[in-house]
Amino acid sequence: MISTSPAMDYFPYPKEWETEESHSMAQTVARWANQELITKRLEFREVYAHQMKALDILSRELGLDEMVWSVESGGSGLLAPTVATTLVRGYEEMGRADPGIAYVSAMKMALACFLTEGIIGPHVTEEIKRAVFSAFYAGDMKLVSIILPGLGDAGQAARAMISGKEAQATAERRGDTWVVRARQARPMNSGFDAHMYAVIAAAENEVMLVLVHADAEGVKKASEPLKTTGLQASRNCSVDFNTVEVPLQYGIPINLATYKRFITWIDLLCGAVAVGSAMDAYAILKNWADNRVIKGGMPFRDNPMCAAILANLAMSIMNSRLLVHSLARAMAQPEVFGIRNVEDCFVLAQSASLKAIAECWHGMDRGMELMASAGYSKEWNLEKHWRDIKTMQAYLGGGIPAYMDIARAFFGSGGNA
């Protein structure tokens, strides 16, 4: 088998879970990563137009966006959740190249997996799948922005709580439409450039996933993208929905369990992005350390203190990669892991993703300090990985909401995030 990236070979994962499709996809994404991004870092590093061009090549020309949609819908038919391990391998390679691009893609892929794996039931018909597939993927590449429940806004009236968080939008049925309202909703990604918003909204007696076209009457984006430290490929902004009318079929009722499944897909793919990012950080740090010496002529990596810091990053990657691949396997084959229901898998995803992202970032953080001025300089690219993963952590909600989800599951803890 041809190695996708030298750094990948150092960090084991259960290859018996890998399929021919997994390996083929990883090779394809690795070639894309090397040709379109890694070899052009100094020239294009965080140029938004180039980032979108690279994502367009991966999404449309190489067929990533078609993967998990059924043949009837217009896709390739590698259906979720059995494709979970394949996606992890692909998003590891994407994270190695550019975590910001990988994050933008992961949000859209998580939504696609959620809509196609059948867990929502009969509400997502083949007609809806074809319509959504066309809206998201046909023609030019489209960006999809996810709006999940958040931590609340003291300046607004309280809204429905969903798994410890407050809905940012409401949906009201009016005849053959849903009327969606929100003020200064904060998307997870790409709010400024979105073609469509996937909004978790509170209705009168249920929770809805509502798909809102960005050009619908009443949608108002902030005039400028938010300034963030990282994830420059994801230009975000707050969004208002001023009595936006959406066709009835674009509102899909979900319950708490199916909402948690959506979050599980996001956790899985973002965990893979963090692992891939840390692998490239390892390659950067190894390249830097190979020819460094310290006082007395001792190789840098032979100094016990330096070696401990180098080892910390390697350990973080090894542990995190095993966690993320185990999560993918648990999603594809829940009975093998003793997973009883969606709640079990959700708790595992929250735990695995939180741990993997935090561990990978911490390893990068120590490595960047070890490199001193080289670690903070743009030409080595380590600081970009550091910024991107830290910003991704923030958008995913940080640790406390996940801790509360886990505490509710294991200890019956009350309270909200």
Protein backbone atom coordinates (compact mmCIF):
# COMPACT_ATOMS: atom_id res chain seq x y z
CA MET A 1 0.00 0.00 0.00
CA ILE A 2 1.25 3.49 -0.85
CA SER A 3 1.64 5.78 2.15
CA THR A 4 -0.56 8.85 2.05
CA SER A 5 1.81 10.93 4.16
CA PRO A 6 5.06 9.98 5.96
CA ALA A 7 3.73 11.38 9.24
CA MET A 8 0.71 9.06 9.06
CA ASP A 9 2.93 5.96 9.22
CA TYR A 10 4.18 6.76 12.72
CA PHE A 11 0.77 6.72 14.35
CA PRO A 12 -1.14 3.41 14.40
CA TYR A 13 -4.85 2.94 13.97
CA PRO A 14 -6.98 -0.22 13.48
CA LYS A 15 -6.34 -0.91 9.81
CA GLU A 16 -8.66 -3.93 9.88
CA TRP A 17 -11.48 -1.38 9.99
CA GLU A 18 -10.21 0.31 6.85
CA THR A 19 -11.86 -0.57 3.54
CA GLU A 20 -10.60 -0.19 0.01
CA GLU A 21 -12.77 2.92 -0.23
CA SER A 22 -11.13 4.34 2.91
CA HIS A 23 -7.64 3.88 1.55
CA SER A 24 -8.53 5.17 -1.91
CA MET A 25 -10.18 8.27 -0.48
CA ALA A 26 -7.25 8.97 1.84
CA GLN A 27 -4.83 8.76 -1.09
CA THR A 28 -6.99 11.07 -3.19
CA VAL A 29 -7.28 13.66 -0.42
CA ALA A 30 -3.54 13.39 0.37
CA ARG A 31 -2.64 14.14 -3.25
CA TRP A 32 -5.05 17.07 -3.24
CA ALA A 33 -3.57 18.32 0.04
CA ASN A 34 -0.01 18.19 -1.24
CA GLN A 35 -0.72 19.71 -4.67
CA GLU A 36 -3.25 22.40 -3.82
CA LEU A 37 -2.25 23.49 -0.32
CA ILE A 38 0.92 22.22 1.32
CA THR A 39 3.27 23.05 -1.58
CA LYS A 40 1.64 26.49 -1.94
CA ARG A 41 1.56 27.56 1.71
CA LEU A 42 4.02 30.41 1.49
CA GLU A 43 2.28 31.87 -1.55
CA PHE A 44 -1.38 31.46 -0.69
CA ARG A 45 -1.40 30.54 3.02
CA GLU A 46 -4.68 32.17 4.11
CA VAL A 47 -5.92 33.71 0.86
CA TYR A 48 -9.68 33.10 0.95
CA ALA A 49 -10.10 32.86 -2.84
CA HIS A 50 -7.41 30.19 -3.05
CA GLN A 51 -8.88 28.29 -0.10
CA MET A 52 -12.28 28.17 -1.78
CA LYS A 53 -10.73 27.13 -5.09
CA ALA A 54 -8.95 24.27 -3.36
CA LEU A 55 -12.14 23.22 -1.56
CA ASP A 56 -14.06 23.37 -4.84
CA ILE A 57 -11.59 20.93 -6.42
CA LEU A 58 -12.00 18.49 -3.54
CA SER A 59 -15.75 18.92 -3.21
CA ARG A 60 -16.84 18.76 -6.84
CA GLU A 61 -14.04 17.60 -9.12
CA LEU A 62 -12.84 14.84 -6.78
CA GLY A 63 -16.38 14.01 -5.64
CA LEU A 64 -16.13 14.38 -1.86
CA ASP A 65 -19.52 16.05 -1.51
CA GLU A 66 -21.29 13.29 -3.45
CA MET A 67 -20.00 10.42 -1.34
CA VAL A 68 -22.70 9.84 1.23
CA TRP A 69 -25.73 10.63 -0.89
CA SER A 70 -27.66 7.76 -2.43
CA VAL A 71 -27.45 7.05 -6.15
CA GLU A 72 -31.15 7.99 -6.37
CA SER A 73 -30.34 11.40 -4.90
CA GLY A 74 -27.46 11.95 -7.32
CA GLY A 75 -24.57 10.79 -5.15
CA SER A 76 -22.10 7.89 -4.98
CA GLY A 77 -24.01 5.76 -2.49
CA LEU A 78 -21.38 5.24 0.26
CA LEU A 79 -23.99 5.64 2.92
CA ALA A 80 -23.62 6.65 6.56
CA PRO A 81 -22.90 5.35 9.13
CA THR A 82 -20.85 2.56 7.55
CA VAL A 83 -18.72 5.20 5.81
CA ALA A 84 -17.60 6.74 9.13
CA THR A 85 -14.07 5.27 9.09
CA THR A 86 -13.62 6.32 5.47
CA LEU A 87 -14.55 9.88 6.37
CA VAL A 88 -12.13 9.91 9.30
CA ARG A 89 -9.25 8.99 7.02
CA GLY A 90 -10.22 11.70 4.57
CA TYR A 91 -10.64 14.42 7.19
CA GLU A 92 -7.33 13.51 8.81
CA GLU A 93 -5.67 14.31 5.49
CA MET A 94 -7.69 17.50 5.10
CA GLY A 95 -6.76 18.62 8.61
CA ARG A 96 -3.11 17.98 7.81
CA ALA A 97 -3.36 20.38 4.90
CA ASP A 98 -5.57 23.16 6.29
CA PRO A 99 -7.82 22.78 9.37
CA GLY A 100 -9.92 25.79 8.32
CA ILE A 101 -10.88 24.28 4.96
CA ALA A 102 -11.41 20.91 6.62
CA TYR A 103 -13.70 22.48 9.24
CA VAL A 104 -15.88 24.17 6.60
CA SER A 105 -16.19 20.89 4.72
CA ALA A 106 -16.84 18.92 7.92
CA MET A 107 -19.91 21.01 8.77
CA LYS A 108 -21.48 20.28 5.40
CA MET A 109 -20.52 16.61 5.50
CA ALA A 110 -21.93 16.18 9.02
CA LEU A 111 -25.26 17.55 7.81
CA ALA A 112 -25.21 15.27 4.77
CA CYS A 113 -24.53 12.20 6.93
CA PHE A 114 -27.27 13.19 9.34
CA LEU A 115 -29.83 13.62 6.57
CA THR A 116 -28.94 10.43 4.71
CA GLU A 117 -28.32 7.75 7.35
CA GLY A 118 -32.06 7.28 7.95
CA ILE A 119 -32.14 8.08 11.66
CA ILE A 120 -34.63 10.94 11.17
CA GLY A 121 -37.10 8.53 9.60
CA PRO A 122 -39.73 9.15 6.92
CA HIS A 123 -39.58 12.95 7.19
CA VAL A 124 -36.54 13.00 4.89
CA THR A 125 -37.97 11.66 1.64
CA GLU A 126 -35.99 10.92 -1.52
CA GLU A 127 -37.59 14.03 -3.01
CA ILE A 128 -36.20 16.16 -0.18
CA LYS A 129 -32.80 14.48 -0.47
CA ARG A 130 -32.65 15.23 -4.19
CA ALA A 131 -33.69 18.83 -3.58
CA VAL A 132 -31.13 19.32 -0.82
CA PHE A 133 -28.40 17.57 -2.79
CA SER A 134 -29.08 19.85 -5.72
CA ALA A 135 -29.12 22.97 -3.54
CA PHE A 136 -25.89 22.03 -1.77
CA TYR A 137 -23.78 20.41 -4.44
CA ALA A 138 -24.96 20.93 -8.00
CA GLY A 139 -23.23 23.52 -10.17
CA ASP A 140 -20.77 25.73 -8.32
CA MET A 141 -19.64 24.66 -4.88
CA LYS A 142 -22.02 25.83 -2.16
CA LEU A 143 -21.24 26.59 1.48
CA VAL A 144 -23.67 25.45 4.15
CA SER A 145 -23.77 27.17 7.53
CA ILE A 146 -24.95 25.37 10.66
CA ILE A 147 -26.83 27.23 13.41
CA LEU A 148 -27.02 25.16 16.59
CA PRO A 149 -28.38 26.03 20.04
CA GLY A 150 -26.02 28.27 21.98
CA LEU A 151 -25.29 29.46 25.50
CA GLY A 152 -28.07 32.06 25.51
CA ASP A 153 -28.31 35.83 25.22
CA ALA A 154 -29.16 37.92 28.28
CA GLY A 155 -30.56 40.60 25.97
CA GLN A 156 -33.34 38.35 24.63
CA ALA A 157 -36.26 36.46 26.09
CA ALA A 158 -35.52 32.88 27.14
CA ARG A 159 -36.11 30.23 24.47
CA ALA A 160 -36.46 26.46 24.47
CA MET A 161 -33.56 24.44 25.88
CA ILE A 162 -32.13 21.62 23.78
CA SER A 163 -29.63 19.35 25.53
CA GLY A 164 -28.66 22.09 27.95
CA LYS A 165 -28.39 24.86 25.36
CA GLU A 166 -30.80 27.55 24.21
CA ALA A 167 -32.26 27.54 20.70
CA GLN A 168 -31.08 30.55 18.70
CA ALA A 169 -34.12 30.49 16.40
CA THR A 170 -37.83 29.79 16.51
CA ALA A 171 -40.05 28.24 13.86
CA GLU A 172 -43.81 28.68 13.58
CA ARG A 173 -46.00 26.76 11.17
CA ARG A 174 -48.19 29.03 9.05
CA GLY A 175 -50.20 27.25 6.36
CA ASP A 176 -47.77 25.52 3.98
CA THR A 177 -44.70 27.35 5.29
CA TRP A 178 -42.48 27.60 8.34
CA VAL A 179 -41.84 31.12 9.61
CA VAL A 180 -38.34 31.34 11.06
CA ARG A 181 -37.21 34.11 13.38
CA ALA A 182 -33.84 34.84 15.00
CA ARG A 183 -31.88 37.87 16.07
CA GLN A 184 -28.10 37.92 15.88
CA ALA A 185 -27.86 34.16 15.63
CA ARG A 186 -24.26 32.98 15.57
CA PRO A 187 -23.58 30.16 13.08
CA MET A 188 -20.96 27.48 13.62
CA ASN A 189 -19.31 28.31 10.31
CA SER A 190 -19.37 30.31 7.09
CA GLY A 191 -22.26 32.57 8.04
CA PHE A 192 -21.02 35.38 5.79
CA ASP A 193 -20.69 33.23 2.64
CA ALA A 194 -23.44 30.68 3.17
CA HIS A 195 -25.70 29.55 0.36
CA MET A 196 -28.00 27.89 2.88
CA TYR A 197 -28.42 27.77 6.66
CA ALA A 198 -29.27 24.56 8.51
CA VAL A 199 -30.99 25.86 11.63
CA ILE A 200 -31.98 23.98 14.77
CA ALA A 201 -35.13 25.91 15.76
CA ALA A 202 -37.64 25.61 18.59
CA ALA A 203 -41.24 25.19 17.42
CA GLU A 204 -44.33 25.16 19.64
CA ASN A 205 -44.14 21.53 20.75
CA GLU A 206 -41.12 20.19 18.91
CA VAL A 207 -37.64 20.88 17.63
CA MET A 208 -37.10 21.45 13.93
CA LEU A 209 -34.17 21.32 11.55
CA VAL A 210 -35.05 24.06 9.07
CA LEU A 211 -33.14 24.65 5.83
CA VAL A 212 -33.14 28.35 4.95
CA HIS A 213 -31.76 29.73 1.68
CA ALA A 214 -29.46 32.68 2.28
CA ASP A 215 -31.23 34.74 -0.39
CA ALA A 216 -34.69 34.25 1.15
CA GLU A 217 -36.57 37.41 1.98
CA GLY A 218 -35.91 38.44 5.57
CA VAL A 219 -32.43 36.93 5.88
CA LYS A 220 -29.97 39.59 6.94
CA LYS A 221 -26.26 38.94 7.35
CA ALA A 222 -23.96 41.24 9.30
CA SER A 223 -22.20 43.64 6.97
CA GLU A 224 -18.70 42.37 7.79
CA PRO A 225 -17.27 38.98 8.77
CA LEU A 226 -16.29 38.50 12.38
CA LYS A 227 -12.62 38.89 13.17
CA THR A 228 -11.23 35.60 14.46
CA THR A 229 -7.80 34.29 15.32
CA GLY A 230 -8.09 31.23 13.07
CA LEU A 231 -10.30 29.34 10.62
CA GLN A 232 -9.91 32.03 7.97
CA ALA A 233 -11.59 29.73 5.44
CA SER A 234 -14.77 30.04 7.51
CA ARG A 235 -15.83 33.68 7.22
CA ASN A 236 -18.53 33.97 9.82
CA CYS A 237 -21.02 36.62 10.93
CA SER A 238 -24.20 36.99 12.95
CA VAL A 239 -27.47 36.49 11.07
CA ASP A 240 -31.01 37.79 11.54
CA PHE A 241 -34.08 35.93 10.31
CA ASN A 242 -36.82 38.54 10.10
CA THR A 243 -40.00 36.47 9.64
CA VAL A 244 -38.42 34.28 6.95
CA GLU A 245 -40.88 31.97 5.19
CA VAL A 246 -39.58 28.51 4.31
CA PRO A 247 -41.47 25.81 2.35
CA LEU A 248 -42.96 23.19 4.64
CA GLN A 249 -40.81 20.35 3.28
CA TYR A 250 -37.65 22.21 4.32
CA GLY A 251 -38.60 21.88 7.99
CA ILE A 252 -37.75 18.46 9.41
CA PRO A 253 -38.97 17.53 12.90
CA ILE A 254 -36.29 16.03 15.12
CA ASN A 255 -36.20 14.92 18.74
CA LEU A 256 -33.50 15.08 21.36
CA ALA A 257 -31.98 11.78 20.26
CA THR A 258 -31.70 12.76 16.60
CA TYR A 259 -30.31 16.17 17.54
CA LYS A 260 -27.60 14.38 19.50
CA ARG A 261 -26.85 12.22 16.48
CA PHE A 262 -26.22 15.37 14.44
CA ILE A 263 -23.75 16.55 17.09
CA THR A 264 -22.11 13.11 17.05
CA TRP A 265 -21.27 13.51 13.34
CA ILE A 266 -19.85 16.98 13.96
CA ASP A 267 -17.75 15.64 16.85
CA LEU A 268 -16.39 12.77 14.76
CA LEU A 269 -15.30 14.87 11.79
CA CYS A 270 -13.85 17.70 13.89
CA GLY A 271 -11.92 15.17 15.95
CA ALA A 272 -10.43 13.80 12.72
CA VAL A 273 -9.53 17.33 11.59
CA ALA A 274 -7.66 17.92 14.87
CA VAL A 275 -5.74 14.65 14.55
CA GLY A 276 -4.67 15.45 11.00
CA SER A 277 -3.65 18.96 12.00
CA ALA A 278 -1.54 17.61 14.84
CA MET A 279 0.12 15.14 12.48
CA ASP A 280 1.31 17.99 10.29
CA ALA A 281 2.45 19.82 13.43
CA TYR A 282 4.48 16.72 14.26
CA ALA A 283 6.07 16.71 10.79
CA ILE A 284 6.91 20.42 11.12
CA LEU A 285 8.39 19.98 14.59
CA LYS A 286 10.40 16.91 13.57
CA ASN A 287 11.81 18.72 10.55
CA TRP A 288 12.80 21.65 12.75
CA ALA A 289 14.34 19.48 15.52
CA ASP A 290 16.31 17.09 13.29
CA ASN A 291 19.25 19.44 12.79
CA ARG A 292 19.20 21.45 16.01
CA VAL A 293 21.94 21.20 18.63
CA ILE A 294 22.20 22.74 22.08
CA LYS A 295 25.15 23.82 24.20
CA GLY A 296 27.97 21.27 24.17
CA GLY A 297 26.97 19.91 20.76
CA MET A 298 24.21 17.63 22.07
CA PRO A 299 21.46 16.99 19.52
CA PHE A 300 18.41 18.94 20.54
CA ARG A 301 16.16 15.89 20.64
CA ASP A 302 18.54 14.04 23.00
CA ASN A 303 18.08 16.55 25.79
CA PRO A 304 15.64 14.96 28.28
CA MET A 305 13.56 18.10 28.72
CA CYS A 306 13.26 18.68 24.97
CA ALA A 307 12.60 15.01 24.33
CA ALA A 308 9.75 15.05 26.85
CA ILE A 309 8.05 17.90 25.02
CA LEU A 310 8.52 16.19 21.66
CA ALA A 311 7.10 13.00 23.13
CA ASN A 312 4.10 14.86 24.47
CA LEU A 313 2.95 15.76 20.97
CA ALA A 314 3.52 12.22 19.67
CA MET A 315 1.58 10.73 22.60
CA SER A 316 -1.28 13.17 22.06
CA ILE A 317 -1.57 12.15 18.41
CA MET A 318 -1.38 8.42 19.11
CA ASN A 319 -4.03 8.52 21.81
CA SER A 320 -6.29 10.90 19.90
CA ARG A 321 -6.12 8.93 16.67
CA LEU A 322 -7.15 5.73 18.44
CA LEU A 323 -10.02 7.58 20.12
CA VAL A 324 -11.37 9.07 16.90
CA HIS A 325 -11.12 5.84 14.91
CA SER A 326 -12.82 3.97 17.76
CA LEU A 327 -15.65 6.50 17.68
CA ALA A 328 -16.03 5.98 13.93
CA ARG A 329 -16.17 2.21 14.41
CA ALA A 330 -18.70 2.58 17.22
CA MET A 331 -20.92 4.64 14.92
CA ALA A 332 -20.63 2.11 12.09
CA GLN A 333 -20.86 -1.04 14.24
CA PRO A 334 -22.46 -0.02 17.57
CA GLU A 335 -23.04 -3.60 18.72
CA VAL A 336 -19.27 -4.29 18.64
CA PHE A 337 -18.77 -1.58 21.27
CA GLY A 338 -21.83 -2.38 23.34
CA ILE A 339 -23.50 0.84 22.21
CA ARG A 340 -27.15 0.53 23.19
CA ASN A 341 -28.63 3.66 21.67
CA VAL A 342 -27.98 7.10 20.21
CA GLU A 343 -27.39 8.57 23.68
CA ASP A 344 -24.53 6.16 24.34
CA CYS A 345 -22.86 7.08 21.06
CA PHE A 346 -23.38 10.79 21.68
CA VAL A 347 -21.70 10.62 25.09
CA LEU A 348 -18.81 8.67 23.59
CA ALA A 349 -18.50 11.28 20.83
CA GLN A 350 -18.52 14.19 23.26
CA SER A 351 -15.85 12.53 25.36
CA ALA A 352 -13.65 11.34 22.49
CA SER A 353 -13.83 14.57 20.49
CA LEU A 354 -13.30 16.83 23.51
CA LYS A 355 -10.28 14.80 24.60
CA ALA A 356 -8.77 14.45 21.11
CA ILE A 357 -9.05 18.13 20.20
CA ALA A 358 -7.75 19.30 23.57
CA GLU A 359 -4.85 16.84 23.55
CA CYS A 360 -3.82 17.67 20.00
CA TRP A 361 -3.93 21.39 20.67
CA HIS A 362 -1.95 21.03 23.90
CA GLY A 363 0.75 19.02 22.10
CA MET A 364 0.99 21.72 19.41
CA ASP A 365 1.11 24.41 22.08
CA ARG A 366 4.10 22.83 23.81
CA GLY A 367 5.83 22.20 20.50
CA MET A 368 5.36 25.79 19.39
CA GLU A 369 6.90 27.03 22.63
CA LEU A 370 9.84 24.69 22.11
CA MET A 371 10.46 26.14 18.65
CA ALA A 372 10.51 29.65 20.16
CA SER A 373 10.50 32.34 17.44
CA ALA A 374 10.30 29.70 14.70
CA GLY A 375 7.12 28.36 16.27
CA TYR A 376 5.43 31.74 16.02
CA SER A 377 6.72 32.56 12.54
CA LYS A 378 4.33 32.09 9.67
CA GLU A 379 6.69 30.28 7.30
CA TRP A 380 6.76 27.15 9.50
CA ASN A 381 2.92 27.03 9.56
CA LEU A 382 2.74 25.52 13.06
CA GLU A 383 1.16 28.66 14.45
CA LYS A 384 -1.65 28.40 11.88
CA HIS A 385 -2.51 24.89 13.05
CA TRP A 386 -2.43 26.19 16.64
CA ARG A 387 -4.79 29.08 15.84
CA ASP A 388 -7.18 27.01 13.73
CA ILE A 389 -7.65 24.25 16.28
CA LYS A 390 -8.07 26.72 19.14
CA THR A 391 -10.71 28.61 17.16
CA MET A 392 -12.46 25.35 16.28
CA GLN A 393 -12.56 24.51 19.99
CA ALA A 394 -14.32 27.80 20.65
CA TYR A 395 -16.95 27.28 17.95
CA LEU A 396 -17.66 23.77 19.24
CA GLY A 397 -18.45 25.27 22.63
CA GLY A 398 -15.34 24.53 24.65
CA GLY A 399 -15.28 22.04 27.50
CA ILE A 400 -18.09 22.98 29.91
CA PRO A 401 -21.11 22.13 27.69
CA ALA A 402 -19.58 18.74 26.85
CA TYR A 403 -18.75 18.10 30.50
CA MET A 404 -22.40 18.79 31.36
CA ASP A 405 -23.62 16.37 28.67
CA ILE A 406 -21.34 13.66 30.06
CA ALA A 407 -22.30 14.43 33.67
CA ARG A 408 -26.00 14.27 32.80
CA ALA A 409 -25.49 10.85 31.21
CA PHE A 410 -23.32 9.25 33.90
CA PHE A 411 -24.46 11.00 37.08
CA GLY A 412 -27.89 12.41 36.29
CA SER A 413 -26.60 15.93 36.84
CA GLY A 414 -29.09 18.76 36.39
CA GLY A 415 -28.56 22.27 35.09
CA ASN A 416 -27.70 23.63 31.71
CA ALA A 417 -24.41 24.30 29.97
